[in-house]
Amino acid sequence: MTPSNPVDAFFHVTERGSTIAQEIRGGFVTFFAMAYILVVNPIILSNALGENPSFGFPDIAAGTALVAGIVTILMGAVANFPLALAAGMGLNAVVAFTLVLGSKLTYQEAMGLIVWEGLLITVLVLTGFREAVFKAVPLQLKTAISVGIGLFIAFVGLVDAGIIRPGGTPVQLGINGSLAGWPALVFVFGLLLTIVLYVRKVKGAILIGLLSSTVLAMVIQAFAHVPAMKDETGKVVNPTGWGQTVPELSGNIVSLPSFGSLGQVDMLGAFTKLGPLAVILLIFSLMLADFFDTMGTMVAIGGEAKLLDGHGNPPRSREILLVDSLAAVAGGLGGVSSNTSYIESSAGVGEGAKTGLASVVTGVLFLLSTFLAPAVALVPTEAASTALVFVGFLMMMQVMDIEWTKPEIAIPAFLTIAFMPFAYSITVGIGMGFVSYTVIQVAQGGARRIHPLMWLVTLLFILYFVLGPIQSALLG
């Protein structure tokens, strides 16, 4: 079909079997599924500010939105891929609790390591090494990565919504095995509504479910005045309260942003304080987590959008990886931690997004949220999590493409899928799949069939799994 307008032609919307309306809708869904980061990232990083900081929570919140907006628009315009980026969950915790509180770096020195990590990955992309590693991975192992991420994000959604919690057993349903409290009702309502709309083939089912549950949450809060689950120190004071955000508006809905976190970076301080070897190991651990999370995420998104080629590779994979690498640098320079590709983008793909136009829409919404942070904060985690759980189902359907009758494929695939939610880490799941695949091939006498890069990555993952003892011995 002939493109109907320049936007269609630039993003290949019609060519990929989508429409501009689908792309816009997908961009909105992805934004709302990710909006929690505008609140959560400042909460986590505020732990690393120390006494008498020159900037604070509002600055980090505005910086988080600004950097996410810029790099997500860049992903859409350069890579034409429906993938959004923002400050990475997990990586921000490493900054706050490992680099600053653990290694005694300043906030600025920690951000300097983030920049170094981003620059290193950028070099690996420009030399073709990162893309070569990605293409060396067997196709069905990539499929397992996608399925595992589906389970992972479903688990993340259930935990964030308080539906699954720690208890007498490692995890349990709600509170002592029961669902209790208004927030749980909001989640159940949103998920069931999404399911009903989906099976009825209603367009925009995920977005309608998310927004409807948000409206319900606001109505409940207006009449019941449910407090937050945790206080300012992170202590649980009300198990049936709201999780990460409370759906009520306080103050003005529009506020001028403050960008005090921008430029809060010290590129050399960590080397002086810890020494080159310890810094290299810290950068290596950051790089591995960032390196493979993104590879798994772009496979999952590409698979859900049906954009992968016969070898399981998405279009413009080098451009995708390059933008993602530069986003890590941008996050460090912006003082908001490494920005990385978000698996929540799958929520938008579930609404039909197939091009970078959806990413541009998401990026613009992030930029607007620098002024509308109070409105963004109205979406409670319990509402946003419905999209994550439902998209987990959509991604799980790819499990049929794995040859479960072949143990050399099935065992690495199983370990990949299982370890992502159980270890609460995409990187760990990928690592277990890579290591087990290599071991099985050697056991079957197929060592020569293993790509040299798979050997290298397997060795790096083995080092990654024992990095803690190595760091302890060196920093001793």
Protein backbone atom coordinates (compact mmCIF):
# COMPACT_ATOMS: atom_id res chain seq x y z
CA MET A 1 0.00 0.00 0.00
CA THR A 2 1.12 3.57 -0.71
CA PRO A 3 1.90 5.72 2.36
CA SER A 4 -0.87 8.21 2.97
CA ASN A 5 1.32 11.07 4.26
CA PRO A 6 4.97 11.99 5.04
CA VAL A 7 4.74 10.67 8.60
CA ASP A 8 3.50 7.33 7.31
CA ALA A 9 6.30 7.24 4.73
CA PHE A 10 9.07 8.18 7.20
CA PHE A 11 8.10 5.58 9.80
CA HIS A 12 6.89 2.92 7.30
CA VAL A 13 3.62 2.71 9.22
CA THR A 14 1.48 1.19 6.46
CA GLU A 15 4.35 -0.97 5.24
CA ARG A 16 4.57 -2.64 8.67
CA GLY A 17 0.84 -3.27 8.82
CA SER A 18 0.00 -0.54 11.30
CA THR A 19 -1.87 2.76 11.34
CA ILE A 20 -1.03 6.16 12.75
CA ALA A 21 -3.89 5.78 15.24
CA GLN A 22 -2.43 2.46 16.45
CA GLU A 23 1.01 4.02 16.84
CA ILE A 24 -0.33 6.95 18.85
CA ARG A 25 -2.40 4.65 21.03
CA GLY A 26 0.60 2.39 21.56
CA GLY A 27 2.77 5.35 22.49
CA PHE A 28 0.28 6.43 25.14
CA VAL A 29 0.02 2.92 26.60
CA THR A 30 3.81 2.55 26.82
CA PHE A 31 4.10 5.92 28.53
CA PHE A 32 1.52 5.10 31.18
CA ALA A 33 3.09 1.68 31.75
CA MET A 34 6.45 3.42 32.37
CA ALA A 35 5.23 6.55 34.16
CA TYR A 36 5.99 5.06 37.56
CA ILE A 37 9.71 5.69 36.94
CA LEU A 38 9.08 9.44 37.26
CA VAL A 39 8.30 8.82 40.92
CA VAL A 40 10.33 5.71 41.73
CA ASN A 41 13.67 6.90 40.29
CA PRO A 42 13.83 10.05 42.48
CA ILE A 43 12.80 8.00 45.53
CA ILE A 44 15.67 5.54 44.99
CA LEU A 45 18.33 8.07 44.01
CA SER A 46 17.43 10.40 46.86
CA ASN A 47 19.05 7.83 49.14
CA ALA A 48 22.39 8.70 47.54
CA LEU A 49 22.25 12.50 47.84
CA GLY A 50 23.91 12.70 51.25
CA GLU A 51 23.58 15.62 53.62
CA ASN A 52 22.80 19.15 52.41
CA PRO A 53 22.58 18.36 48.67
CA SER A 54 22.46 21.17 46.15
CA PHE A 55 19.49 19.54 44.39
CA GLY A 56 16.71 17.19 45.42
CA PHE A 57 13.70 15.05 44.55
CA PRO A 58 11.98 17.54 42.17
CA ASP A 59 15.21 18.01 40.20
CA ILE A 60 15.73 14.26 39.77
CA ALA A 61 12.08 13.80 38.78
CA ALA A 62 12.29 16.51 36.12
CA GLY A 63 15.66 15.23 34.90
CA THR A 64 14.29 11.69 34.69
CA ALA A 65 11.45 12.87 32.44
CA LEU A 66 13.70 15.09 30.31
CA VAL A 67 16.36 12.48 29.55
CA ALA A 68 13.75 9.74 28.97
CA GLY A 69 11.89 11.99 26.55
CA ILE A 70 14.97 12.89 24.52
CA VAL A 71 16.41 9.38 24.17
CA THR A 72 13.01 7.79 23.45
CA ILE A 73 12.35 10.27 20.64
CA LEU A 74 15.85 9.49 19.35
CA MET A 75 15.04 5.78 19.36
CA GLY A 76 11.89 6.39 17.33
CA ALA A 77 13.48 8.77 14.82
CA VAL A 78 16.81 6.98 14.29
CA ALA A 79 15.98 3.29 14.78
CA ASN A 80 12.26 3.39 13.86
CA PHE A 81 11.54 0.82 16.54
CA PRO A 82 8.67 0.85 19.09
CA LEU A 83 11.02 0.88 22.08
CA ALA A 84 11.01 3.46 24.87
CA LEU A 85 13.82 4.23 27.29
CA ALA A 86 14.10 5.68 30.78
CA ALA A 87 16.23 5.39 33.91
CA GLY A 88 16.84 1.69 34.45
CA MET A 89 15.28 -0.02 37.44
CA GLY A 90 17.99 -2.03 39.16
CA LEU A 91 20.74 0.16 37.77
CA ASN A 92 19.45 3.10 39.83
CA ALA A 93 19.49 0.86 42.91
CA VAL A 94 23.11 -0.07 42.11
CA VAL A 95 23.95 3.64 41.99
CA ALA A 96 22.28 4.42 45.31
CA PHE A 97 23.06 1.36 47.40
CA THR A 98 26.20 -0.19 45.86
CA LEU A 99 28.19 2.70 44.46
CA VAL A 100 27.27 5.44 46.94
CA LEU A 101 26.23 3.79 50.20
CA GLY A 102 28.35 0.65 49.66
CA SER A 103 31.53 1.91 47.98
CA LYS A 104 31.28 5.37 49.59
CA LEU A 105 31.36 7.27 46.29
CA THR A 106 29.66 10.63 46.01
CA TYR A 107 26.54 10.96 43.90
CA GLN A 108 28.59 12.71 41.22
CA GLU A 109 31.33 10.06 41.21
CA ALA A 110 28.71 7.31 40.82
CA MET A 111 27.22 9.13 37.83
CA GLY A 112 30.73 9.33 36.39
CA LEU A 113 30.91 5.52 36.37
CA ILE A 114 27.54 5.42 34.60
CA VAL A 115 28.96 7.67 31.87
CA TRP A 116 32.08 5.50 31.51
CA GLU A 117 29.90 2.39 31.24
CA GLY A 118 27.77 4.02 28.53
CA LEU A 119 30.84 5.15 26.58
CA LEU A 120 32.31 1.65 26.69
CA ILE A 121 29.13 0.05 25.37
CA THR A 122 28.93 2.73 22.65
CA VAL A 123 32.40 1.76 21.47
CA LEU A 124 31.35 -1.90 21.37
CA VAL A 125 28.36 -0.94 19.22
CA LEU A 126 30.37 1.22 16.82
CA THR A 127 32.92 -1.56 16.31
CA GLY A 128 30.12 -4.01 15.58
CA PHE A 129 31.00 -6.22 18.57
CA ARG A 130 27.71 -5.81 20.44
CA GLU A 131 25.64 -6.58 17.35
CA ALA A 132 27.89 -9.52 16.47
CA VAL A 133 27.37 -11.00 19.93
CA PHE A 134 23.63 -10.59 19.52
CA LYS A 135 23.59 -12.35 16.14
CA ALA A 136 25.73 -15.21 17.47
CA VAL A 137 22.95 -16.26 19.85
CA PRO A 138 20.90 -19.25 18.57
CA LEU A 139 17.39 -18.35 17.41
CA GLN A 140 15.48 -20.52 19.89
CA LEU A 141 17.53 -19.16 22.77
CA LYS A 142 16.40 -15.69 21.69
CA THR A 143 12.81 -16.96 21.73
CA ALA A 144 13.33 -18.28 25.26
CA ILE A 145 14.63 -14.86 26.27
CA SER A 146 11.43 -13.27 24.99
CA VAL A 147 9.22 -15.77 26.83
CA GLY A 148 11.22 -15.39 30.01
CA ILE A 149 10.87 -11.63 29.89
CA GLY A 150 7.12 -12.09 29.53
CA LEU A 151 7.03 -14.05 32.79
CA PHE A 152 9.40 -11.55 34.38
CA ILE A 153 7.28 -8.49 33.62
CA ALA A 154 4.12 -10.32 34.71
CA PHE A 155 5.84 -11.11 38.01
CA VAL A 156 7.05 -7.51 38.32
CA GLY A 157 3.50 -6.29 37.76
CA LEU A 158 2.06 -8.67 40.37
CA VAL A 159 4.69 -7.70 42.95
CA ASP A 160 4.38 -3.96 42.27
CA ALA A 161 0.61 -4.19 42.63
CA GLY A 162 0.92 -6.04 45.94
CA ILE A 163 -0.91 -9.09 44.58
CA ILE A 164 2.18 -11.24 45.19
CA ARG A 165 4.16 -10.51 48.36
CA PRO A 166 6.76 -12.12 50.63
CA GLY A 167 5.27 -13.92 53.60
CA GLY A 168 5.50 -17.20 55.49
CA THR A 169 6.58 -18.77 52.19
CA PRO A 170 9.03 -16.96 49.86
CA VAL A 171 6.04 -15.38 48.09
CA GLN A 172 2.30 -15.63 48.61
CA LEU A 173 -0.99 -14.22 47.38
CA GLY A 174 -1.68 -10.79 48.86
CA ILE A 175 -1.78 -10.58 52.66
CA ASN A 176 -1.63 -14.01 54.34
CA GLY A 177 -2.98 -15.68 51.23
CA SER A 178 -5.89 -13.28 50.64
CA LEU A 179 -6.52 -10.19 48.56
CA ALA A 180 -7.34 -7.25 50.81
CA GLY A 181 -7.69 -3.49 50.41
CA TRP A 182 -8.92 -1.07 47.80
CA PRO A 183 -5.68 -1.10 45.75
CA ALA A 184 -6.06 -4.85 45.18
CA LEU A 185 -9.59 -4.23 43.92
CA VAL A 186 -8.28 -1.63 41.47
CA PHE A 187 -5.79 -4.12 40.04
CA VAL A 188 -8.31 -6.97 39.76
CA PHE A 189 -10.87 -4.66 38.12
CA GLY A 190 -8.33 -3.35 35.60
CA LEU A 191 -6.98 -6.78 34.69
CA LEU A 192 -10.42 -8.39 34.29
CA LEU A 193 -11.66 -5.45 32.24
CA THR A 194 -8.62 -5.73 29.97
CA ILE A 195 -9.20 -9.46 29.52
CA VAL A 196 -12.89 -9.02 28.69
CA LEU A 197 -12.17 -6.24 26.19
CA TYR A 198 -9.36 -8.27 24.58
CA VAL A 199 -11.46 -11.41 24.07
CA ARG A 200 -14.23 -9.19 22.71
CA LYS A 201 -11.62 -7.81 20.26
CA VAL A 202 -12.04 -4.21 21.43
CA LYS A 203 -9.28 -1.94 20.10
CA GLY A 204 -7.24 -0.29 22.83
CA ALA A 205 -8.13 -2.91 25.45
CA ILE A 206 -4.92 -2.42 27.44
CA LEU A 207 -5.16 1.39 27.46
CA ILE A 208 -8.87 1.35 28.34
CA GLY A 209 -8.20 -1.06 31.19
CA LEU A 210 -5.31 1.04 32.50
CA LEU A 211 -7.18 4.36 32.36
CA SER A 212 -10.41 2.89 33.74
CA SER A 213 -8.62 1.42 36.74
CA THR A 214 -6.90 4.78 37.29
CA VAL A 215 -10.26 6.55 37.33
CA LEU A 216 -11.59 3.95 39.77
CA ALA A 217 -8.54 4.48 41.99
CA MET A 218 -9.10 8.26 42.02
CA VAL A 219 -12.77 7.80 42.95
CA ILE A 220 -11.86 5.39 45.75
CA GLN A 221 -9.20 7.74 47.06
CA ALA A 222 -11.60 10.69 47.02
CA PHE A 223 -14.07 8.89 49.30
CA ALA A 224 -11.99 6.36 51.27
CA HIS A 225 -8.73 8.35 51.68
CA VAL A 226 -6.52 5.25 51.55
CA PRO A 227 -2.97 6.05 52.76
CA ALA A 228 0.26 4.87 51.15
CA MET A 229 1.63 1.43 51.98
CA LYS A 230 5.02 2.81 53.10
CA ASP A 231 6.13 5.94 54.93
CA GLU A 232 8.99 8.25 53.90
CA THR A 233 11.59 5.85 55.32
CA GLY A 234 10.30 2.89 53.32
CA LYS A 235 8.75 1.13 56.33
CA VAL A 236 5.43 -0.63 55.71
CA VAL A 237 2.81 1.15 57.81
CA ASN A 238 -0.35 0.08 55.97
CA PRO A 239 -0.25 -3.26 54.09
CA THR A 240 -3.54 -2.50 52.31
CA GLY A 241 -2.40 0.96 51.15
CA TRP A 242 -1.28 2.22 47.75
CA GLY A 243 2.08 1.01 46.50
CA GLN A 244 4.43 3.48 44.84
CA THR A 245 2.01 6.31 44.00
CA VAL A 246 -1.21 7.58 45.59
CA PRO A 247 -3.95 8.52 43.05
CA GLU A 248 -4.78 11.96 44.38
CA LEU A 249 -3.84 15.45 43.26
CA SER A 250 -2.23 17.84 45.71
CA GLY A 251 -1.40 21.38 44.64
CA ASN A 252 -1.34 22.61 41.07
CA ILE A 253 -1.59 20.17 38.20
CA VAL A 254 1.08 22.11 36.25
CA SER A 255 4.44 23.15 37.66
CA LEU A 256 7.62 24.59 36.16
CA PRO A 257 10.40 21.97 36.14
CA SER A 258 13.75 22.36 37.89
CA PHE A 259 16.71 20.59 36.26
CA GLY A 260 19.28 20.77 39.05
CA SER A 261 20.44 17.17 38.48
CA LEU A 262 21.84 17.94 35.03
CA GLY A 263 25.64 17.92 34.92
CA GLN A 264 26.04 16.38 38.39
CA VAL A 265 28.89 14.11 37.31
CA ASP A 266 32.53 13.53 38.32
CA MET A 267 34.37 11.45 35.73
CA LEU A 268 37.63 10.86 37.64
CA GLY A 269 36.82 10.92 41.35
CA ALA A 270 36.06 7.18 41.63
CA PHE A 271 39.47 6.22 40.19
CA THR A 272 41.23 8.28 42.85
CA LYS A 273 39.04 6.99 45.70
CA LEU A 274 38.86 3.25 44.86
CA GLY A 275 41.73 2.62 42.47
CA PRO A 276 41.60 1.60 38.79
CA LEU A 277 41.07 -2.16 39.25
CA ALA A 278 38.09 -1.83 41.59
CA VAL A 279 36.54 0.79 39.30
CA ILE A 280 37.00 -1.44 36.25
CA LEU A 281 35.15 -4.27 38.01
CA LEU A 282 32.31 -1.94 39.00
CA ILE A 283 32.03 -0.65 35.43
CA PHE A 284 32.12 -4.24 34.14
CA SER A 285 29.23 -5.27 36.38
CA LEU A 286 27.19 -2.25 35.26
CA MET A 287 28.01 -2.97 31.62
CA LEU A 288 26.96 -6.62 31.71
CA ALA A 289 23.62 -5.80 33.30
CA ASP A 290 22.95 -3.08 30.71
CA PHE A 291 24.43 -5.03 27.78
CA PHE A 292 22.21 -8.11 27.86
CA ASP A 293 19.05 -6.62 29.32
CA THR A 294 18.73 -4.49 26.20
CA MET A 295 19.45 -7.38 23.86
CA GLY A 296 16.72 -9.45 25.48
CA THR A 297 14.31 -6.55 25.53
CA MET A 298 14.65 -5.66 21.87
CA VAL A 299 14.16 -9.32 20.89
CA ALA A 300 11.03 -9.51 23.01
CA ILE A 301 9.61 -6.29 21.56
CA GLY A 302 10.54 -7.27 18.02
CA GLY A 303 8.96 -10.69 18.45
CA GLU A 304 5.74 -9.26 19.86
CA ALA A 305 5.55 -6.73 16.99
CA LYS A 306 6.41 -9.45 14.43
CA LEU A 307 9.43 -7.47 13.22
CA LEU A 308 12.13 -10.14 13.58
CA ASP A 309 13.81 -11.66 10.54
CA GLY A 310 14.39 -15.38 10.01
CA HIS A 311 17.34 -15.33 12.40
CA GLY A 312 15.45 -13.58 15.19
CA ASN A 313 17.01 -10.15 14.60
CA PRO A 314 15.01 -6.90 14.57
CA PRO A 315 15.45 -4.29 11.80
CA ARG A 316 18.14 -1.64 12.36
CA SER A 317 19.55 -3.57 15.30
CA ARG A 318 22.77 -1.54 15.28
CA GLU A 319 20.84 1.73 15.47
CA ILE A 320 18.75 0.34 18.33
CA LEU A 321 21.85 -0.68 20.26
CA LEU A 322 23.61 2.62 19.52
CA VAL A 323 20.74 4.75 20.82
CA ASP A 324 20.48 2.55 23.89
CA SER A 325 24.21 2.95 24.57
CA LEU A 326 24.08 6.72 24.18
CA ALA A 327 21.09 6.73 26.53
CA ALA A 328 23.31 5.33 29.28
CA VAL A 329 25.71 8.24 28.74
CA ALA A 330 22.82 10.72 28.71
CA GLY A 331 21.46 9.32 31.98
CA GLY A 332 24.80 9.76 33.68
CA LEU A 333 25.30 13.29 32.37
CA GLY A 334 21.72 14.11 33.39
CA GLY A 335 22.37 12.91 36.92
CA VAL A 336 19.47 10.42 36.80
CA SER A 337 21.32 7.07 36.35
CA SER A 338 21.74 4.98 33.21
CA ASN A 339 18.81 5.10 30.79
CA THR A 340 18.00 1.81 29.12
CA SER A 341 15.36 0.13 26.98
CA TYR A 342 12.15 -0.70 28.84
CA ILE A 343 10.33 -4.00 28.51
CA GLU A 344 7.17 -2.04 29.34
CA SER A 345 7.29 -0.98 25.68
CA SER A 346 5.63 -4.33 25.06
CA ALA A 347 2.44 -2.81 26.46
CA GLY A 348 2.35 -0.40 23.52
CA VAL A 349 3.21 -3.15 21.08
CA GLY A 350 0.30 -5.11 22.52
CA GLU A 351 -1.89 -2.21 21.38
CA GLY A 352 -0.59 -2.53 17.82
CA ALA A 353 2.53 -0.31 17.75
CA LYS A 354 5.09 -1.47 15.20
CA THR A 355 7.17 1.63 14.37
CA GLY A 356 9.22 4.39 15.91
CA LEU A 357 6.26 6.75 15.73
CA ALA A 358 4.98 5.15 18.95
CA SER A 359 8.35 5.90 20.60
CA VAL A 360 8.16 9.52 19.47
CA VAL A 361 4.70 9.81 21.05
CA THR A 362 5.99 8.28 24.29
CA GLY A 363 8.99 10.61 24.26
CA VAL A 364 6.84 13.70 23.78
CA LEU A 365 4.66 12.62 26.70
CA PHE A 366 7.78 12.29 28.86
CA LEU A 367 8.83 15.81 27.91
CA LEU A 368 5.37 17.14 28.71
CA SER A 369 5.46 15.34 32.03
CA THR A 370 8.28 17.62 33.17
CA PHE A 371 5.46 20.17 33.53
CA LEU A 372 2.72 17.72 34.44
CA ALA A 373 4.43 15.60 37.06
CA PRO A 374 1.48 15.89 39.48
CA ALA A 375 -0.89 14.51 36.81
CA VAL A 376 1.48 11.67 35.89
CA ALA A 377 1.70 10.66 39.53
CA LEU A 378 -2.06 10.05 39.54
CA VAL A 379 -1.60 6.68 37.80
CA PRO A 380 -1.15 4.20 40.66
CA THR A 381 1.10 1.19 40.32
CA GLU A 382 -1.93 -1.03 40.79
CA ALA A 383 -3.41 0.36 37.55
CA ALA A 384 -0.19 0.39 35.49
CA SER A 385 0.60 -3.19 36.53
CA THR A 386 -2.50 -4.55 34.78
CA ALA A 387 -0.82 -3.79 31.44
CA LEU A 388 2.38 -5.58 32.46
CA VAL A 389 0.59 -8.75 33.57
CA PHE A 390 -1.56 -8.93 30.45
CA VAL A 391 1.38 -8.34 28.10
CA GLY A 392 3.17 -11.15 29.93
CA PHE A 393 0.46 -13.44 28.58
CA LEU A 394 0.92 -12.11 25.04
CA MET A 395 4.67 -12.75 25.16
CA MET A 396 4.24 -16.20 26.70
CA MET A 397 2.50 -17.43 23.55
CA GLN A 398 5.90 -17.54 21.79
CA VAL A 399 6.82 -20.56 23.94
CA MET A 400 5.28 -22.76 21.21
CA ASP A 401 8.20 -21.88 18.91
CA ILE A 402 10.72 -23.71 21.13
CA GLU A 403 11.53 -27.35 20.31
CA TRP A 404 10.88 -28.88 23.72
CA THR A 405 11.66 -32.41 22.48
CA LYS A 406 15.36 -31.52 21.99
CA PRO A 407 17.12 -31.32 25.39
CA GLU A 408 20.05 -29.33 23.98
CA ILE A 409 17.50 -26.59 23.20
CA ALA A 410 14.86 -27.23 25.85
CA ILE A 411 17.12 -27.20 28.92
CA PRO A 412 18.82 -23.83 28.18
CA ALA A 413 15.43 -22.42 27.18
CA PHE A 414 13.86 -23.62 30.44
CA LEU A 415 16.67 -22.20 32.58
CA THR A 416 16.47 -18.89 30.72
CA ILE A 417 12.71 -18.66 31.25
CA ALA A 418 12.78 -19.83 34.88
CA PHE A 419 15.64 -17.74 36.20
CA MET A 420 14.33 -14.40 34.96
CA PRO A 421 11.36 -14.22 37.35
CA PHE A 422 12.89 -16.43 40.06
CA ALA A 423 16.14 -14.43 40.25
CA TYR A 424 14.25 -11.21 39.45
CA SER A 425 16.80 -10.43 36.75
CA ILE A 426 16.72 -10.56 32.95
CA THR A 427 20.52 -10.68 32.87
CA VAL A 428 20.73 -13.70 35.18
CA GLY A 429 18.21 -15.57 33.05
CA ILE A 430 20.14 -14.89 29.87
CA GLY A 431 23.38 -15.88 31.56
CA MET A 432 22.01 -19.20 32.78
CA GLY A 433 20.77 -19.97 29.28
CA PHE A 434 24.10 -19.12 27.66
CA VAL A 435 26.23 -21.10 30.13
CA SER A 436 23.99 -24.18 30.06
CA TYR A 437 23.81 -24.10 26.24
CA THR A 438 27.59 -24.06 25.96
CA VAL A 439 28.03 -26.84 28.54
CA ILE A 440 25.48 -29.07 26.78
CA GLN A 441 27.07 -28.52 23.37
CA VAL A 442 30.48 -29.49 24.77
CA ALA A 443 28.96 -32.58 26.47
CA GLN A 444 27.46 -33.65 23.14
CA GLY A 445 30.78 -33.22 21.34
CA GLY A 446 29.62 -30.11 19.54
CA ALA A 447 32.19 -27.64 20.85
CA ARG A 448 33.22 -26.73 17.31
CA ARG A 449 29.65 -25.68 16.49
CA ILE A 450 29.70 -22.99 19.17
CA HIS A 451 30.29 -19.50 17.79
CA PRO A 452 33.53 -17.96 19.16
CA LEU A 453 31.54 -15.04 20.54
CA MET A 454 29.29 -17.45 22.42
CA TRP A 455 32.42 -18.85 24.08
CA LEU A 456 33.50 -15.35 25.06
CA VAL A 457 30.10 -14.31 26.38
CA THR A 458 29.76 -17.57 28.33
CA LEU A 459 33.08 -16.90 30.05
CA LEU A 460 32.00 -13.33 30.81
CA PHE A 461 28.76 -14.58 32.35
CA ILE A 462 30.67 -17.07 34.53
CA LEU A 463 32.78 -14.14 35.71
CA TYR A 464 29.60 -12.12 36.27
CA PHE A 465 28.08 -14.83 38.46
CA VAL A 466 31.15 -14.89 40.75
CA LEU A 467 31.83 -11.16 40.62
CA GLY A 468 30.83 -10.65 44.26
CA PRO A 469 33.53 -12.90 45.73
CA ILE A 470 36.11 -11.46 43.31
CA GLN A 471 35.27 -7.90 44.34
CA SER A 472 35.35 -8.87 48.02
CA ALA A 473 38.78 -10.44 47.60
CA LEU A 474 40.21 -7.47 45.74
CA LEU A 475 38.62 -4.77 47.89
CA GLY A 476 39.12 -6.93 50.96
